[in-house]
Amino acid sequence: VAAGITDLRERLAAEAALRDVVPYLPTDAIDVDLRRFADATITTPTQTRPNRPIRRMLDLLGETEAVLLLSHAFNEQKLRLVRDRSVEGSLRTKGVFGADAIDAVRETPDLRALLADIVATEVAEIRVAADPVPVAVEVTDDRTHLLLRDDEGIVRAALDTDDAAVREWAETLHEEFWTAATTLTAADLAG
């Protein structure tokens, strides 16, 4: 009985913590019990700070020495930060992005130049996913971050946690996509 009550309390606590972001969680892609996110830091936009989720991700990315990236989209601010830190050699990056994300960057000259600079470094490798990428996730030195978007692609929240099971899931998912992906080269970005 005690175990059942404890389980129920954990489920209710997780539901309360995640209630506002559950509609945006890619639950089909998340292969870990959602209760593992109950203590996550949830950052949502506000009327005066609509960019709060992106800012949270950038702050965490600015503090790490290594990152695993897996995403279906690029954010210009993140691309610029990864470029700057990769060029100076202070960030090791292994990124896998959907083909649509790479195509969108390729079509925008200033973004293409940023990505070309990243690809040219020795501390970063970017790959193009063979399959559609279902989730935007980053694994840094000590945090796992998810960027949650609605059906129209609008960022609704950032979720980050130091939970070991979430990290293991994210690392495994990244490795699956990494293994099947193809390396992006400077020639691929020549425009």
C-alpha atoms as a PDB file:
ATOM      1  CA  VAL A   1       0.000   0.000   0.000  1.00  0.00           C
ATOM      2  CA  ALA A   2       2.805   2.404   0.927  1.00  0.00           C
ATOM      3  CA  ALA A   3       4.561   1.759  -2.394  1.00  0.00           C
ATOM      4  CA  GLY A   4       1.306   2.410  -4.259  1.00  0.00           C
ATOM      5  CA  ILE A   5       0.735   5.679  -2.431  1.00  0.00           C
ATOM      6  CA  THR A   6       4.327   6.772  -3.038  1.00  0.00           C
ATOM      7  CA  ASP A   7       3.959   5.955  -6.732  1.00  0.00           C
ATOM      8  CA  LEU A   8       0.716   7.932  -6.922  1.00  0.00           C
ATOM      9  CA  ARG A   9       2.312  10.933  -5.184  1.00  0.00           C
ATOM     10  CA  GLU A  10       5.235  10.839  -7.640  1.00  0.00           C
ATOM     11  CA  ARG A  11       2.865  10.687 -10.596  1.00  0.00           C
ATOM     12  CA  LEU A  12       0.790  13.582  -9.290  1.00  0.00           C
ATOM     13  CA  ALA A  13       3.892  15.685  -8.600  1.00  0.00           C
ATOM     14  CA  ALA A  14       5.210  15.031 -12.118  1.00  0.00           C
ATOM     15  CA  GLU A  15       1.839  15.842 -13.661  1.00  0.00           C
ATOM     16  CA  ALA A  16       1.623  19.108 -11.723  1.00  0.00           C
ATOM     17  CA  ALA A  17       5.168  20.133 -12.679  1.00  0.00           C
ATOM     18  CA  LEU A  18       4.748  19.303 -16.371  1.00  0.00           C
ATOM     19  CA  ARG A  19       1.076  20.223 -16.829  1.00  0.00           C
ATOM     20  CA  ASP A  20       1.708  23.345 -18.922  1.00  0.00           C
ATOM     21  CA  VAL A  21       4.285  21.747 -21.240  1.00  0.00           C
ATOM     22  CA  VAL A  22       2.870  18.240 -21.733  1.00  0.00           C
ATOM     23  CA  PRO A  23       1.047  19.277 -24.939  1.00  0.00           C
ATOM     24  CA  TYR A  24       4.441  20.142 -26.477  1.00  0.00           C
ATOM     25  CA  LEU A  25       6.420  17.123 -25.287  1.00  0.00           C
ATOM     26  CA  PRO A  26       7.242  14.743 -28.141  1.00  0.00           C
ATOM     27  CA  THR A  27       6.109  11.790 -26.047  1.00  0.00           C
ATOM     28  CA  ASP A  28       6.436   9.355 -28.966  1.00  0.00           C
ATOM     29  CA  ALA A  29      10.162  10.143 -29.109  1.00  0.00           C
ATOM     30  CA  ILE A  30      10.832  10.198 -25.371  1.00  0.00           C
ATOM     31  CA  ASP A  31      11.688   6.704 -24.196  1.00  0.00           C
ATOM     32  CA  VAL A  32      11.955   7.525 -20.500  1.00  0.00           C
ATOM     33  CA  ASP A  33       9.345   7.805 -17.770  1.00  0.00           C
ATOM     34  CA  LEU A  34       8.042  11.378 -17.774  1.00  0.00           C
ATOM     35  CA  ARG A  35       8.322  11.395 -13.977  1.00  0.00           C
ATOM     36  CA  ARG A  36      12.077  11.762 -14.545  1.00  0.00           C
ATOM     37  CA  PHE A  37      11.289  15.325 -15.677  1.00  0.00           C
ATOM     38  CA  ALA A  38       9.386  16.262 -12.501  1.00  0.00           C
ATOM     39  CA  ASP A  39      12.351  18.217 -11.088  1.00  0.00           C
ATOM     40  CA  ALA A  40      13.370  19.730 -14.423  1.00  0.00           C
ATOM     41  CA  THR A  41      13.842  23.448 -14.857  1.00  0.00           C
ATOM     42  CA  ILE A  42      11.015  24.609 -17.116  1.00  0.00           C
ATOM     43  CA  THR A  43      11.490  27.918 -18.891  1.00  0.00           C
ATOM     44  CA  THR A  44       8.539  29.392 -20.753  1.00  0.00           C
ATOM     45  CA  PRO A  45       8.149  32.621 -22.704  1.00  0.00           C
ATOM     46  CA  THR A  46       6.538  35.637 -21.083  1.00  0.00           C
ATOM     47  CA  GLN A  47       4.952  38.661 -22.648  1.00  0.00           C
ATOM     48  CA  THR A  48       7.983  40.782 -21.812  1.00  0.00           C
ATOM     49  CA  ARG A  49      10.569  38.039 -22.436  1.00  0.00           C
ATOM     50  CA  PRO A  50       9.276  35.879 -25.287  1.00  0.00           C
ATOM     51  CA  ASN A  51      12.788  34.539 -25.929  1.00  0.00           C
ATOM     52  CA  ARG A  52      13.260  33.084 -22.416  1.00  0.00           C
ATOM     53  CA  PRO A  53      13.430  29.390 -23.503  1.00  0.00           C
ATOM     54  CA  ILE A  54      16.076  30.163 -26.130  1.00  0.00           C
ATOM     55  CA  ARG A  55      17.989  32.349 -23.665  1.00  0.00           C
ATOM     56  CA  ARG A  56      18.028  29.491 -21.127  1.00  0.00           C
ATOM     57  CA  MET A  57      19.430  27.107 -23.729  1.00  0.00           C
ATOM     58  CA  LEU A  58      22.063  29.640 -24.802  1.00  0.00           C
ATOM     59  CA  ASP A  59      23.117  30.263 -21.203  1.00  0.00           C
ATOM     60  CA  LEU A  60      23.606  26.537 -20.588  1.00  0.00           C
ATOM     61  CA  LEU A  61      25.371  26.078 -23.917  1.00  0.00           C
ATOM     62  CA  GLY A  62      27.676  28.981 -23.087  1.00  0.00           C
ATOM     63  CA  GLU A  63      28.826  27.244 -19.888  1.00  0.00           C
ATOM     64  CA  THR A  64      29.649  23.789 -21.258  1.00  0.00           C
ATOM     65  CA  GLU A  65      32.826  22.361 -22.763  1.00  0.00           C
ATOM     66  CA  ALA A  66      31.149  19.668 -24.874  1.00  0.00           C
ATOM     67  CA  VAL A  67      27.714  19.219 -26.389  1.00  0.00           C
ATOM     68  CA  LEU A  68      25.725  16.596 -28.235  1.00  0.00           C
ATOM     69  CA  LEU A  69      23.092  18.253 -30.440  1.00  0.00           C
ATOM     70  CA  LEU A  70      20.129  16.565 -32.081  1.00  0.00           C
ATOM     71  CA  SER A  71      17.499  18.725 -33.744  1.00  0.00           C
ATOM     72  CA  HIS A  72      15.079  19.247 -36.597  1.00  0.00           C
ATOM     73  CA  ALA A  73      15.725  22.998 -36.688  1.00  0.00           C
ATOM     74  CA  PHE A  74      18.436  25.620 -36.254  1.00  0.00           C
ATOM     75  CA  ASN A  75      18.214  28.741 -34.163  1.00  0.00           C
ATOM     76  CA  GLU A  76      20.367  31.613 -35.429  1.00  0.00           C
ATOM     77  CA  GLN A  77      21.497  32.584 -31.926  1.00  0.00           C
ATOM     78  CA  LYS A  78      22.537  29.028 -31.089  1.00  0.00           C
ATOM     79  CA  LEU A  79      24.275  28.654 -34.451  1.00  0.00           C
ATOM     80  CA  ARG A  80      26.228  31.866 -33.801  1.00  0.00           C
ATOM     81  CA  LEU A  81      27.206  30.787 -30.273  1.00  0.00           C
ATOM     82  CA  VAL A  82      28.332  27.326 -31.406  1.00  0.00           C
ATOM     83  CA  ARG A  83      30.269  28.949 -34.256  1.00  0.00           C
ATOM     84  CA  ASP A  84      32.042  31.433 -31.975  1.00  0.00           C
ATOM     85  CA  ARG A  85      32.928  28.849 -29.337  1.00  0.00           C
ATOM     86  CA  SER A  86      33.974  26.235 -31.932  1.00  0.00           C
ATOM     87  CA  VAL A  87      36.257  28.665 -33.767  1.00  0.00           C
ATOM     88  CA  GLU A  88      37.956  29.653 -30.502  1.00  0.00           C
ATOM     89  CA  GLY A  89      38.235  25.943 -29.630  1.00  0.00           C
ATOM     90  CA  SER A  90      36.292  26.155 -26.352  1.00  0.00           C
ATOM     91  CA  LEU A  91      33.376  23.884 -27.358  1.00  0.00           C
ATOM     92  CA  ARG A  92      33.486  20.311 -28.679  1.00  0.00           C
ATOM     93  CA  THR A  93      30.356  19.628 -30.698  1.00  0.00           C
ATOM     94  CA  LYS A  94      28.772  16.520 -32.180  1.00  0.00           C
ATOM     95  CA  GLY A  95      25.596  17.631 -33.915  1.00  0.00           C
ATOM     96  CA  VAL A  96      22.976  15.800 -35.940  1.00  0.00           C
ATOM     97  CA  PHE A  97      20.356  17.857 -37.752  1.00  0.00           C
ATOM     98  CA  GLY A  98      17.463  17.075 -40.017  1.00  0.00           C
ATOM     99  CA  ALA A  99      17.957  17.599 -43.747  1.00  0.00           C
ATOM    100  CA  ASP A 100      15.313  20.346 -43.740  1.00  0.00           C
ATOM    101  CA  ALA A 101      17.275  22.286 -41.113  1.00  0.00           C
ATOM    102  CA  ILE A 102      20.481  22.004 -43.129  1.00  0.00           C
ATOM    103  CA  ASP A 103      18.656  23.031 -46.328  1.00  0.00           C
ATOM    104  CA  ALA A 104      17.203  26.112 -44.614  1.00  0.00           C
ATOM    105  CA  VAL A 105      20.657  27.173 -43.419  1.00  0.00           C
ATOM    106  CA  ARG A 106      22.173  26.489 -46.839  1.00  0.00           C
ATOM    107  CA  GLU A 107      19.626  28.882 -48.422  1.00  0.00           C
ATOM    108  CA  THR A 108      20.561  31.777 -46.104  1.00  0.00           C
ATOM    109  CA  PRO A 109      24.060  33.107 -46.912  1.00  0.00           C
ATOM    110  CA  ASP A 110      24.963  34.479 -43.456  1.00  0.00           C
ATOM    111  CA  LEU A 111      23.737  31.327 -41.694  1.00  0.00           C
ATOM    112  CA  ARG A 112      25.497  29.132 -44.248  1.00  0.00           C
ATOM    113  CA  ALA A 113      28.740  31.003 -43.484  1.00  0.00           C
ATOM    114  CA  LEU A 114      28.323  30.363 -39.747  1.00  0.00           C
ATOM    115  CA  LEU A 115      27.736  26.654 -40.315  1.00  0.00           C
ATOM    116  CA  ALA A 116      30.677  26.476 -42.728  1.00  0.00           C
ATOM    117  CA  ASP A 117      32.911  27.970 -40.018  1.00  0.00           C
ATOM    118  CA  ILE A 118      31.724  25.308 -37.563  1.00  0.00           C
ATOM    119  CA  VAL A 119      32.321  22.487 -40.048  1.00  0.00           C
ATOM    120  CA  ALA A 120      35.829  23.828 -40.733  1.00  0.00           C
ATOM    121  CA  THR A 121      36.927  23.498 -37.100  1.00  0.00           C
ATOM    122  CA  GLU A 122      38.605  20.460 -35.615  1.00  0.00           C
ATOM    123  CA  VAL A 123      36.413  20.515 -32.500  1.00  0.00           C
ATOM    124  CA  ALA A 124      33.047  20.126 -34.213  1.00  0.00           C
ATOM    125  CA  GLU A 125      31.409  17.593 -36.461  1.00  0.00           C
ATOM    126  CA  ILE A 126      27.967  18.082 -37.929  1.00  0.00           C
ATOM    127  CA  ARG A 127      25.987  15.313 -39.560  1.00  0.00           C
ATOM    128  CA  VAL A 128      22.758  15.204 -41.555  1.00  0.00           C
ATOM    129  CA  ALA A 129      20.140  12.781 -40.268  1.00  0.00           C
ATOM    130  CA  ALA A 130      18.963  10.021 -42.553  1.00  0.00           C
ATOM    131  CA  ASP A 131      15.499  10.076 -40.937  1.00  0.00           C
ATOM    132  CA  PRO A 132      13.312  12.915 -39.634  1.00  0.00           C
ATOM    133  CA  VAL A 133      14.471  14.118 -36.212  1.00  0.00           C
ATOM    134  CA  PRO A 134      11.522  13.984 -33.768  1.00  0.00           C
ATOM    135  CA  VAL A 135      12.954  16.079 -30.929  1.00  0.00           C
ATOM    136  CA  ALA A 136      15.321  18.971 -30.236  1.00  0.00           C
ATOM    137  CA  VAL A 137      17.686  17.812 -27.495  1.00  0.00           C
ATOM    138  CA  GLU A 138      21.111  18.823 -26.212  1.00  0.00           C
ATOM    139  CA  VAL A 139      23.390  17.013 -23.812  1.00  0.00           C
ATOM    140  CA  THR A 140      25.978  19.216 -22.138  1.00  0.00           C
ATOM    141  CA  ASP A 141      28.504  18.584 -19.390  1.00  0.00           C
ATOM    142  CA  ASP A 142      25.849  18.238 -16.713  1.00  0.00           C
ATOM    143  CA  ARG A 143      22.422  18.992 -18.201  1.00  0.00           C
ATOM    144  CA  THR A 144      20.069  17.508 -20.769  1.00  0.00           C
ATOM    145  CA  HIS A 145      17.878  20.101 -22.487  1.00  0.00           C
ATOM    146  CA  LEU A 146      14.800  19.790 -24.637  1.00  0.00           C
ATOM    147  CA  LEU A 147      13.394  22.654 -26.658  1.00  0.00           C
ATOM    148  CA  LEU A 148       9.651  22.218 -26.994  1.00  0.00           C
ATOM    149  CA  ARG A 149       7.764  23.591 -29.990  1.00  0.00           C
ATOM    150  CA  ASP A 150       4.104  23.604 -30.929  1.00  0.00           C
ATOM    151  CA  ASP A 151       2.728  22.221 -34.208  1.00  0.00           C
ATOM    152  CA  GLU A 152       3.563  25.495 -35.955  1.00  0.00           C
ATOM    153  CA  GLY A 153       7.206  25.385 -34.858  1.00  0.00           C
ATOM    154  CA  ILE A 154       6.892  28.130 -32.231  1.00  0.00           C
ATOM    155  CA  VAL A 155       9.070  27.565 -29.155  1.00  0.00           C
ATOM    156  CA  ARG A 156       6.808  27.065 -26.141  1.00  0.00           C
ATOM    157  CA  ALA A 157       9.298  25.949 -23.483  1.00  0.00           C
ATOM    158  CA  ALA A 158      12.764  24.756 -22.637  1.00  0.00           C
ATOM    159  CA  LEU A 159      13.128  21.862 -20.239  1.00  0.00           C
ATOM    160  CA  ASP A 160      16.472  20.943 -18.680  1.00  0.00           C
ATOM    161  CA  THR A 161      17.439  18.378 -16.093  1.00  0.00           C
ATOM    162  CA  ASP A 162      20.413  16.633 -14.550  1.00  0.00           C
ATOM    163  CA  ASP A 163      18.503  13.336 -14.286  1.00  0.00           C
ATOM    164  CA  ALA A 164      20.758  10.385 -15.201  1.00  0.00           C
ATOM    165  CA  ALA A 165      18.005   8.371 -16.931  1.00  0.00           C
ATOM    166  CA  VAL A 166      17.067  11.330 -19.139  1.00  0.00           C
ATOM    167  CA  ARG A 167      20.728  11.835 -20.027  1.00  0.00           C
ATOM    168  CA  GLU A 168      21.138   8.149 -20.906  1.00  0.00           C
ATOM    169  CA  TRP A 169      18.031   8.278 -23.120  1.00  0.00           C
ATOM    170  CA  ALA A 170      19.268  11.434 -24.890  1.00  0.00           C
ATOM    171  CA  GLU A 171      22.775  10.032 -25.423  1.00  0.00           C
ATOM    172  CA  THR A 172      21.351   6.785 -26.825  1.00  0.00           C
ATOM    173  CA  LEU A 173      18.982   8.650 -29.152  1.00  0.00           C
ATOM    174  CA  HIS A 174      21.815  10.901 -30.331  1.00  0.00           C
ATOM    175  CA  GLU A 175      24.037   7.885 -30.992  1.00  0.00           C
ATOM    176  CA  GLU A 176      21.312   6.170 -33.052  1.00  0.00           C
ATOM    177  CA  PHE A 177      20.923   9.230 -35.264  1.00  0.00           C
ATOM    178  CA  TRP A 178      24.692   9.881 -35.346  1.00  0.00           C
ATOM    179  CA  THR A 179      25.421   6.374 -36.600  1.00  0.00           C
ATOM    180  CA  ALA A 180      22.872   6.594 -39.422  1.00  0.00           C
ATOM    181  CA  ALA A 181      23.716  10.185 -40.418  1.00  0.00           C
ATOM    182  CA  THR A 182      26.150  11.452 -43.045  1.00  0.00           C
ATOM    183  CA  THR A 183      28.926  13.934 -42.325  1.00  0.00           C
ATOM    184  CA  LEU A 184      28.317  17.494 -43.480  1.00  0.00           C
ATOM    185  CA  THR A 185      31.340  18.874 -45.330  1.00  0.00           C
ATOM    186  CA  ALA A 186      32.402  22.324 -46.495  1.00  0.00           C
ATOM    187  CA  ALA A 187      31.659  21.217 -50.068  1.00  0.00           C
ATOM    188  CA  ASP A 188      28.061  20.499 -49.045  1.00  0.00           C
ATOM    189  CA  LEU A 189      27.746  24.124 -47.981  1.00  0.00           C
ATOM    190  CA  ALA A 190      29.424  25.723 -50.983  1.00  0.00           C
ATOM    191  CA  GLY A 191      26.991  28.150 -52.381  1.00  0.00           C
END
